[in-house]
């Protein structure tokens, strides 16, 4: 986020009690998305990203071209 002196900001507190600064002219959908993204940090902790990527790579190479 690129804030400059004089920018209007909005102060928020997330669930981990961290102070969040956001430009006040930010769209509502974007504010909601940022709050949602930070609300479940443990969500992907048990997810095997490498295994998932390998499975996608295998499926992508099996698609006949043309």
Protein backbone atom coordinates (compact mmCIF):
# COMPACT_ATOMS: atom_id res chain seq x y z
CA UNK A 1 0.00 0.00 0.00
CA UNK A 2 1.50 3.33 -1.00
CA UNK A 3 0.43 6.01 1.46
CA UNK A 4 1.72 9.55 1.20
CA UNK A 5 1.58 12.43 3.68
CA UNK A 6 -1.90 13.93 3.59
CA UNK A 7 -3.67 10.77 2.39
CA UNK A 8 -6.95 10.05 4.15
CA UNK A 9 -6.83 6.71 5.97
CA UNK A 10 -9.18 4.46 7.85
CA UNK A 11 -8.02 2.73 11.04
CA UNK A 12 -9.23 -0.79 11.75
CA UNK A 13 -8.35 -3.52 14.26
CA UNK A 14 -8.21 -7.12 13.02
CA UNK A 15 -8.90 -10.30 15.04
CA UNK A 16 -5.26 -10.52 16.14
CA UNK A 17 -5.66 -6.98 17.50
CA UNK A 18 -3.31 -5.50 14.91
CA UNK A 19 -3.90 -1.95 13.69
CA UNK A 20 -4.70 -1.87 9.98
CA UNK A 21 -4.49 1.31 7.91
CA UNK A 22 -6.39 1.52 4.64
CA UNK A 23 -6.94 4.43 2.28
CA UNK A 24 -10.41 5.80 3.01
CA UNK A 25 -11.27 6.04 -0.67
CA UNK A 26 -10.81 2.29 -1.08
CA UNK A 27 -13.81 0.45 -2.54
CA UNK A 28 -16.06 -1.39 -0.08
CA UNK A 29 -15.58 -4.74 -1.84
CA UNK A 30 -11.82 -4.40 -1.49
CA UNK A 31 -12.05 -3.57 2.23
CA UNK A 32 -14.28 -6.62 2.75
CA UNK A 33 -11.88 -8.84 0.81
CA UNK A 34 -8.90 -7.66 2.89
CA UNK A 35 -10.79 -8.34 6.12
CA UNK A 36 -11.79 -11.81 4.91
CA UNK A 37 -8.27 -12.68 3.78
CA UNK A 38 -6.85 -11.86 7.19
CA UNK A 39 -9.58 -13.53 9.21
CA UNK A 40 -8.44 -17.17 8.79
CA UNK A 41 -4.63 -17.30 8.63
CA UNK A 42 -4.57 -20.98 9.67
CA UNK A 43 -6.89 -22.05 6.86
CA UNK A 44 -4.17 -23.38 4.54
CA UNK A 45 -1.73 -24.62 7.19
CA UNK A 46 -2.46 -28.32 6.51
CA UNK A 47 -2.75 -27.94 2.75
CA UNK A 48 0.01 -29.53 0.65
CA UNK A 49 0.61 -26.92 -2.04
CA UNK A 50 3.44 -28.85 -3.73
CA UNK A 51 1.33 -32.00 -4.07
CA UNK A 52 -1.62 -29.99 -5.41
CA UNK A 53 0.61 -28.24 -7.94
CA UNK A 54 2.07 -31.56 -9.11
CA UNK A 55 -1.42 -32.99 -9.63
CA UNK A 56 -2.43 -29.93 -11.66
CA UNK A 57 0.76 -30.16 -13.73
CA UNK A 58 0.06 -33.84 -14.50
CA UNK A 59 -3.52 -33.06 -15.54
CA UNK A 60 -2.42 -30.13 -17.70
CA UNK A 61 0.10 -32.24 -19.62
CA UNK A 62 -2.51 -34.94 -20.34
CA UNK A 63 -4.80 -32.59 -22.28
CA UNK A 64 -4.40 -33.22 -26.02
CA UNK A 65 -3.48 -30.09 -27.94
CA UNK A 66 -5.18 -29.19 -31.21
